[in-house]
Amino acid sequence: MEGKGPVNGRPIEMNLIIAGKDPVATDAIAARVMGFYSFEIKHIAMAASKGIGKIDDITIVGEKIENVMRKFSLK
């Protein structure tokens, strides 16, 4: 969802599945795919700092981020 989601945002079709055992890592990868730096997203950085999951050194299987990345707008 792009913009002011989840209620007022615009759905964006990505034809992409992001899955993993570490919810922090999956959120971090999703943020990167959306064109954001994972460590700048407060809930992702906080969860990583508390040891809940990893924010870097994540193994990616399948498509490379740069091949599926799309810059999302926050507006």
PDB file of N, CA and C in Angstrom:
ATOM      1  N   MET A   1       0.846  -1.153   0.000  1.00  0.00           N
ATOM      2  CA  MET A   1       0.000   0.000   0.000  1.00  0.00           C
ATOM      3  C   MET A   1       0.905   1.233   0.000  1.00  0.00           C
ATOM      4  N   GLU A   2       0.615   2.125  -0.878  1.00  0.00           N
ATOM      5  CA  GLU A   2       1.394   3.346  -0.998  1.00  0.00           C
ATOM      6  C   GLU A   2       0.576   4.507  -0.440  1.00  0.00           C
ATOM      7  N   GLY A   3       1.250   5.453   0.185  1.00  0.00           N
ATOM      8  CA  GLY A   3       0.567   6.635   0.704  1.00  0.00           C
ATOM      9  C   GLY A   3       0.092   6.433   2.128  1.00  0.00           C
ATOM     10  N   LYS A   4      -1.058   6.976   2.437  1.00  0.00           N
ATOM     11  CA  LYS A   4      -1.596   6.967   3.805  1.00  0.00           C
ATOM     12  C   LYS A   4      -2.407   5.703   4.069  1.00  0.00           C
ATOM     13  N   GLY A   5      -1.740   4.570   4.017  1.00  0.00           N
ATOM     14  CA  GLY A   5      -2.406   3.295   4.289  1.00  0.00           C
ATOM     15  C   GLY A   5      -2.556   3.070   5.776  1.00  0.00           C
ATOM     16  N   PRO A   6      -3.277   2.089   6.193  1.00  0.00           N
ATOM     17  CA  PRO A   6      -3.891   1.097   5.334  1.00  0.00           C
ATOM     18  C   PRO A   6      -5.281   1.483   4.835  1.00  0.00           C
ATOM     19  N   VAL A   7      -5.869   2.540   5.349  1.00  0.00           N
ATOM     20  CA  VAL A   7      -7.234   2.897   4.941  1.00  0.00           C
ATOM     21  C   VAL A   7      -7.258   3.795   3.714  1.00  0.00           C
ATOM     22  N   ASN A   8      -6.427   4.810   3.687  1.00  0.00           N
ATOM     23  CA  ASN A   8      -6.487   5.812   2.625  1.00  0.00           C
ATOM     24  C   ASN A   8      -5.362   5.692   1.600  1.00  0.00           C
ATOM     25  N   GLY A   9      -4.653   4.591   1.608  1.00  0.00           N
ATOM     26  CA  GLY A   9      -3.556   4.403   0.661  1.00  0.00           C
ATOM     27  C   GLY A   9      -4.032   3.847  -0.667  1.00  0.00           C
ATOM     28  N   ARG A  10      -3.072   3.712  -1.573  1.00  0.00           N
ATOM     29  CA  ARG A  10      -3.350   3.157  -2.887  1.00  0.00           C
ATOM     30  C   ARG A  10      -2.663   1.786  -2.998  1.00  0.00           C
ATOM     31  N   PRO A  11      -3.420   0.738  -3.308  1.00  0.00           N
ATOM     32  CA  PRO A  11      -2.796  -0.573  -3.466  1.00  0.00           C
ATOM     33  C   PRO A  11      -1.875  -0.577  -4.686  1.00  0.00           C
ATOM     34  N   ILE A  12      -0.728  -1.201  -4.549  1.00  0.00           N
ATOM     35  CA  ILE A  12       0.246  -1.308  -5.632  1.00  0.00           C
ATOM     36  C   ILE A  12       0.470  -2.788  -5.917  1.00  0.00           C
ATOM     37  N   GLU A  13       0.240  -3.190  -7.147  1.00  0.00           N
ATOM     38  CA  GLU A  13       0.455  -4.583  -7.518  1.00  0.00           C
ATOM     39  C   GLU A  13       1.940  -4.800  -7.781  1.00  0.00           C
ATOM     40  N   MET A  14       2.530  -5.713  -7.030  1.00  0.00           N
ATOM     41  CA  MET A  14       3.963  -5.982  -7.155  1.00  0.00           C
ATOM     42  C   MET A  14       4.246  -7.383  -7.703  1.00  0.00           C
ATOM     43  N   ASN A  15       3.270  -8.280  -7.669  1.00  0.00           N
ATOM     44  CA  ASN A  15       3.485  -9.665  -8.085  1.00  0.00           C
ATOM     45  C   ASN A  15       4.714 -10.254  -7.402  1.00  0.00           C
ATOM     46  N   LEU A  16       4.751 -10.101  -6.074  1.00  0.00           N
ATOM     47  CA  LEU A  16       5.919 -10.474  -5.300  1.00  0.00           C
ATOM     48  C   LEU A  16       5.475 -11.057  -3.966  1.00  0.00           C
ATOM     49  N   ILE A  17       6.153 -12.094  -3.531  1.00  0.00           N
ATOM     50  CA  ILE A  17       5.915 -12.665  -2.205  1.00  0.00           C
ATOM     51  C   ILE A  17       7.197 -12.531  -1.407  1.00  0.00           C
ATOM     52  N   ILE A  18       7.081 -11.972  -0.202  1.00  0.00           N
ATOM     53  CA  ILE A  18       8.207 -11.880   0.723  1.00  0.00           C
ATOM     54  C   ILE A  18       7.848 -12.734   1.927  1.00  0.00           C
ATOM     55  N   ALA A  19       8.654 -13.739   2.193  1.00  0.00           N
ATOM     56  CA  ALA A  19       8.358 -14.663   3.289  1.00  0.00           C
ATOM     57  C   ALA A  19       9.643 -15.021   4.015  1.00  0.00           C
ATOM     58  N   GLY A  20       9.505 -15.383   5.274  1.00  0.00           N
ATOM     59  CA  GLY A  20      10.662 -15.800   6.040  1.00  0.00           C
ATOM     60  C   GLY A  20      10.270 -16.174   7.450  1.00  0.00           C
ATOM     61  N   LYS A  21      11.234 -16.697   8.189  1.00  0.00           N
ATOM     62  CA  LYS A  21      11.005 -17.081   9.585  1.00  0.00           C
ATOM     63  C   LYS A  21      11.197 -15.917  10.538  1.00  0.00           C
ATOM     64  N   ASP A  22      11.887 -14.870  10.096  1.00  0.00           N
ATOM     65  CA  ASP A  22      12.203 -13.704  10.924  1.00  0.00           C
ATOM     66  C   ASP A  22      11.335 -12.529  10.478  1.00  0.00           C
ATOM     67  N   PRO A  23      10.326 -12.142  11.278  1.00  0.00           N
ATOM     68  CA  PRO A  23       9.433 -11.060  10.861  1.00  0.00           C
ATOM     69  C   PRO A  23      10.135  -9.706  10.721  1.00  0.00           C
ATOM     70  N   VAL A  24      11.182  -9.477  11.479  1.00  0.00           N
ATOM     71  CA  VAL A  24      11.933  -8.218  11.359  1.00  0.00           C
ATOM     72  C   VAL A  24      12.663  -8.207  10.014  1.00  0.00           C
ATOM     73  N   ALA A  25      13.266  -9.316   9.664  1.00  0.00           N
ATOM     74  CA  ALA A  25      13.969  -9.410   8.384  1.00  0.00           C
ATOM     75  C   ALA A  25      13.005  -9.254   7.210  1.00  0.00           C
ATOM     76  N   THR A  26      11.832  -9.869   7.290  1.00  0.00           N
ATOM     77  CA  THR A  26      10.876  -9.739   6.185  1.00  0.00           C
ATOM     78  C   THR A  26      10.383  -8.301   6.066  1.00  0.00           C
ATOM     79  N   ASP A  27      10.147  -7.630   7.186  1.00  0.00           N
ATOM     80  CA  ASP A  27       9.776  -6.209   7.137  1.00  0.00           C
ATOM     81  C   ASP A  27      10.916  -5.367   6.581  1.00  0.00           C
ATOM     82  N   ALA A  28      12.149  -5.684   6.954  1.00  0.00           N
ATOM     83  CA  ALA A  28      13.317  -4.943   6.466  1.00  0.00           C
ATOM     84  C   ALA A  28      13.446  -5.091   4.951  1.00  0.00           C
ATOM     85  N   ILE A  29      13.260  -6.293   4.447  1.00  0.00           N
ATOM     86  CA  ILE A  29      13.338  -6.521   3.000  1.00  0.00           C
ATOM     87  C   ILE A  29      12.190  -5.816   2.292  1.00  0.00           C
ATOM     88  N   ALA A  30      10.988  -5.882   2.851  1.00  0.00           N
ATOM     89  CA  ALA A  30       9.846  -5.185   2.249  1.00  0.00           C
ATOM     90  C   ALA A  30      10.111  -3.683   2.173  1.00  0.00           C
ATOM     91  N   ALA A  31      10.686  -3.118   3.222  1.00  0.00           N
ATOM     92  CA  ALA A  31      11.012  -1.685   3.225  1.00  0.00           C
ATOM     93  C   ALA A  31      12.004  -1.368   2.105  1.00  0.00           C
ATOM     94  N   ARG A  32      13.014  -2.209   1.954  1.00  0.00           N
ATOM     95  CA  ARG A  32      14.004  -1.996   0.890  1.00  0.00           C
ATOM     96  C   ARG A  32      13.365  -2.085  -0.488  1.00  0.00           C
ATOM     97  N   VAL A  33      12.489  -3.058  -0.676  1.00  0.00           N
ATOM     98  CA  VAL A  33      11.796  -3.213  -1.955  1.00  0.00           C
ATOM     99  C   VAL A  33      10.964  -1.967  -2.259  1.00  0.00           C
ATOM    100  N   MET A  34      10.444  -1.333  -1.219  1.00  0.00           N
ATOM    101  CA  MET A  34       9.620  -0.129  -1.379  1.00  0.00           C
ATOM    102  C   MET A  34      10.464   1.142  -1.493  1.00  0.00           C
ATOM    103  N   GLY A  35      11.798   0.988  -1.451  1.00  0.00           N
ATOM    104  CA  GLY A  35      12.678   2.128  -1.633  1.00  0.00           C
ATOM    105  C   GLY A  35      13.052   2.863  -0.365  1.00  0.00           C
ATOM    106  N   PHE A  36      12.838   2.238   0.782  1.00  0.00           N
ATOM    107  CA  PHE A  36      13.162   2.872   2.066  1.00  0.00           C
ATOM    108  C   PHE A  36      14.350   2.163   2.707  1.00  0.00           C
ATOM    109  N   TYR A  37      15.066   2.877   3.569  1.00  0.00           N
ATOM    110  CA  TYR A  37      16.144   2.272   4.344  1.00  0.00           C
ATOM    111  C   TYR A  37      15.521   1.639   5.587  1.00  0.00           C
ATOM    112  N   SER A  38      15.758   0.359   5.774  1.00  0.00           N
ATOM    113  CA  SER A  38      15.142  -0.395   6.870  1.00  0.00           C
ATOM    114  C   SER A  38      15.381   0.246   8.225  1.00  0.00           C
ATOM    115  N   PHE A  39      16.606   0.729   8.460  1.00  0.00           N
ATOM    116  CA  PHE A  39      16.954   1.288   9.768  1.00  0.00           C
ATOM    117  C   PHE A  39      16.274   2.624  10.033  1.00  0.00           C
ATOM    118  N   GLU A  40      15.657   3.229   9.035  1.00  0.00           N
ATOM    119  CA  GLU A  40      14.931   4.488   9.230  1.00  0.00           C
ATOM    120  C   GLU A  40      13.462   4.266   9.574  1.00  0.00           C
ATOM    121  N   ILE A  41      12.998   3.033   9.471  1.00  0.00           N
ATOM    122  CA  ILE A  41      11.619   2.709   9.820  1.00  0.00           C
ATOM    123  C   ILE A  41      11.623   2.355  11.304  1.00  0.00           C
ATOM    124  N   LYS A  42      10.949   3.177  12.106  1.00  0.00           N
ATOM    125  CA  LYS A  42      11.061   3.081  13.568  1.00  0.00           C
ATOM    126  C   LYS A  42      10.786   1.694  14.132  1.00  0.00           C
ATOM    127  N   HIS A  43       9.674   1.070  13.730  1.00  0.00           N
ATOM    128  CA  HIS A  43       9.339  -0.220  14.343  1.00  0.00           C
ATOM    129  C   HIS A  43      10.324  -1.306  13.932  1.00  0.00           C
ATOM    130  N   ILE A  44      10.880  -1.227  12.737  1.00  0.00           N
ATOM    131  CA  ILE A  44      11.853  -2.225  12.297  1.00  0.00           C
ATOM    132  C   ILE A  44      13.163  -2.044  13.068  1.00  0.00           C
ATOM    133  N   ALA A  45      13.641  -0.808  13.151  1.00  0.00           N
ATOM    134  CA  ALA A  45      14.890  -0.525  13.875  1.00  0.00           C
ATOM    135  C   ALA A  45      14.762  -0.876  15.351  1.00  0.00           C
ATOM    136  N   MET A  46      13.618  -0.579  15.951  1.00  0.00           N
ATOM    137  CA  MET A  46      13.412  -0.871  17.374  1.00  0.00           C
ATOM    138  C   MET A  46      13.398  -2.381  17.626  1.00  0.00           C
ATOM    139  N   ALA A  47      12.703  -3.112  16.776  1.00  0.00           N
ATOM    140  CA  ALA A  47      12.647  -4.567  16.943  1.00  0.00           C
ATOM    141  C   ALA A  47      14.036  -5.182  16.788  1.00  0.00           C
ATOM    142  N   ALA A  48      14.806  -4.698  15.834  1.00  0.00           N
ATOM    143  CA  ALA A  48      16.167  -5.208  15.642  1.00  0.00           C
ATOM    144  C   ALA A  48      17.052  -4.877  16.836  1.00  0.00           C
ATOM    145  N   SER A  49      16.909  -3.662  17.372  1.00  0.00           N
ATOM    146  CA  SER A  49      17.738  -3.263  18.518  1.00  0.00           C
ATOM    147  C   SER A  49      17.412  -4.065  19.771  1.00  0.00           C
ATOM    148  N   LYS A  50      16.186  -4.596  19.860  1.00  0.00           N
ATOM    149  CA  LYS A  50      15.787  -5.420  21.004  1.00  0.00           C
ATOM    150  C   LYS A  50      16.104  -6.899  20.779  1.00  0.00           C
ATOM    151  N   GLY A  51      16.720  -7.196  19.644  1.00  0.00           N
ATOM    152  CA  GLY A  51      17.113  -8.577  19.363  1.00  0.00           C
ATOM    153  C   GLY A  51      15.988  -9.475  18.892  1.00  0.00           C
ATOM    154  N   ILE A  52      14.886  -8.878  18.465  1.00  0.00           N
ATOM    155  CA  ILE A  52      13.739  -9.669  18.016  1.00  0.00           C
ATOM    156  C   ILE A  52      14.014 -10.315  16.657  1.00  0.00           C
ATOM    157  N   GLY A  53      14.827  -9.657  15.851  1.00  0.00           N
ATOM    158  CA  GLY A  53      15.168 -10.172  14.528  1.00  0.00           C
ATOM    159  C   GLY A  53      16.292  -9.369  13.920  1.00  0.00           C
ATOM    160  N   LYS A  54      16.660  -9.731  12.691  1.00  0.00           N
ATOM    161  CA  LYS A  54      17.772  -9.077  12.014  1.00  0.00           C
ATOM    162  C   LYS A  54      17.290  -8.009  11.045  1.00  0.00           C
ATOM    163  N   ILE A  55      18.090  -6.952  10.922  1.00  0.00           N
ATOM    164  CA  ILE A  55      17.785  -5.874   9.990  1.00  0.00           C
ATOM    165  C   ILE A  55      18.812  -5.828   8.857  1.00  0.00           C
ATOM    166  N   ASP A  56      19.914  -6.537   9.030  1.00  0.00           N
ATOM    167  CA  ASP A  56      20.934  -6.607   7.990  1.00  0.00           C
ATOM    168  C   ASP A  56      21.517  -8.013   7.967  1.00  0.00           C
ATOM    169  N   ASP A  57      22.410  -8.254   7.033  1.00  0.00           N
ATOM    170  CA  ASP A  57      23.000  -9.581   6.859  1.00  0.00           C
ATOM    171  C   ASP A  57      21.908 -10.639   6.688  1.00  0.00           C
ATOM    172  N   ILE A  58      20.951 -10.325   5.802  1.00  0.00           N
ATOM    173  CA  ILE A  58      19.806 -11.188   5.539  1.00  0.00           C
ATOM    174  C   ILE A  58      20.048 -11.939   4.234  1.00  0.00           C
ATOM    175  N   THR A  59      19.859 -13.240   4.260  1.00  0.00           N
ATOM    176  CA  THR A  59      20.002 -14.043   3.048  1.00  0.00           C
ATOM    177  C   THR A  59      18.712 -13.949   2.241  1.00  0.00           C
ATOM    178  N   ILE A  60      18.850 -13.582   0.982  1.00  0.00           N
ATOM    179  CA  ILE A  60      17.696 -13.465   0.090  1.00  0.00           C
ATOM    180  C   ILE A  60      17.790 -14.557  -0.962  1.00  0.00           C
ATOM    181  N   VAL A  61      16.702 -15.278  -1.145  1.00  0.00           N
ATOM    182  CA  VAL A  61      16.627 -16.324  -2.151  1.00  0.00           C
ATOM    183  C   VAL A  61      15.616 -15.869  -3.194  1.00  0.00           C
ATOM    184  N   GLY A  62      15.951 -15.986  -4.445  1.00  0.00           N
ATOM    185  CA  GLY A  62      15.030 -15.566  -5.500  1.00  0.00           C
ATOM    186  C   GLY A  62      15.485 -14.274  -6.130  1.00  0.00           C
ATOM    187  N   GLU A  63      14.544 -13.421  -6.448  1.00  0.00           N
ATOM    188  CA  GLU A  63      14.832 -12.162  -7.140  1.00  0.00           C
ATOM    189  C   GLU A  63      15.717 -11.240  -6.298  1.00  0.00           C
ATOM    190  N   LYS A  64      16.564 -10.499  -6.962  1.00  0.00           N
ATOM    191  CA  LYS A  64      17.370  -9.483  -6.296  1.00  0.00           C
ATOM    192  C   LYS A  64      16.496  -8.266  -6.042  1.00  0.00           C
ATOM    193  N   ILE A  65      16.760  -7.589  -4.925  1.00  0.00           N
ATOM    194  CA  ILE A  65      15.964  -6.414  -4.565  1.00  0.00           C
ATOM    195  C   ILE A  65      15.938  -5.400  -5.695  1.00  0.00           C
ATOM    196  N   GLU A  66      17.093  -5.137  -6.299  1.00  0.00           N
ATOM    197  CA  GLU A  66      17.146  -4.116  -7.349  1.00  0.00           C
ATOM    198  C   GLU A  66      16.304  -4.475  -8.574  1.00  0.00           C
ATOM    199  N   ASN A  67      15.986  -5.760  -8.753  1.00  0.00           N
ATOM    200  CA  ASN A  67      15.152  -6.180  -9.883  1.00  0.00           C
ATOM    201  C   ASN A  67      13.656  -5.997  -9.629  1.00  0.00           C
ATOM    202  N   VAL A  68      13.265  -5.892  -8.359  1.00  0.00           N
ATOM    203  CA  VAL A  68      11.835  -5.775  -8.030  1.00  0.00           C
ATOM    204  C   VAL A  68      11.506  -4.467  -7.308  1.00  0.00           C
ATOM    205  N   MET A  69      12.518  -3.672  -7.026  1.00  0.00           N
ATOM    206  CA  MET A  69      12.337  -2.440  -6.259  1.00  0.00           C
ATOM    207  C   MET A  69      11.465  -1.430  -7.004  1.00  0.00           C
ATOM    208  N   ARG A  70      10.624  -0.759  -6.240  1.00  0.00           N
ATOM    209  CA  ARG A  70       9.784   0.321  -6.755  1.00  0.00           C
ATOM    210  C   ARG A  70       9.683   1.360  -5.674  1.00  0.00           C
ATOM    211  N   LYS A  71      10.031   2.595  -5.947  1.00  0.00           N
ATOM    212  CA  LYS A  71       9.986   3.668  -4.955  1.00  0.00           C
ATOM    213  C   LYS A  71       8.536   4.005  -4.633  1.00  0.00           C
ATOM    214  N   PHE A  72       8.166   3.793  -3.374  1.00  0.00           N
ATOM    215  CA  PHE A  72       6.810   4.102  -2.912  1.00  0.00           C
ATOM    216  C   PHE A  72       6.757   5.528  -2.361  1.00  0.00           C
ATOM    217  N   SER A  73       5.636   6.164  -2.535  1.00  0.00           N
ATOM    218  CA  SER A  73       5.416   7.506  -1.997  1.00  0.00           C
ATOM    219  C   SER A  73       4.768   7.404  -0.622  1.00  0.00           C
ATOM    220  N   LEU A  74       5.106   8.324   0.257  1.00  0.00           N
ATOM    221  CA  LEU A  74       4.467   8.368   1.578  1.00  0.00           C
ATOM    222  C   LEU A  74       3.217   9.239   1.564  1.00  0.00           C
ATOM    223  N   LYS A  75       2.961   9.908   0.462  1.00  0.00           N
ATOM    224  CA  LYS A  75       1.816  10.838   0.374  1.00  0.00           C
ATOM    225  C   LYS A  75       0.660  10.208  -0.354  1.00  0.00           C
TER     226      LYS A  75
END
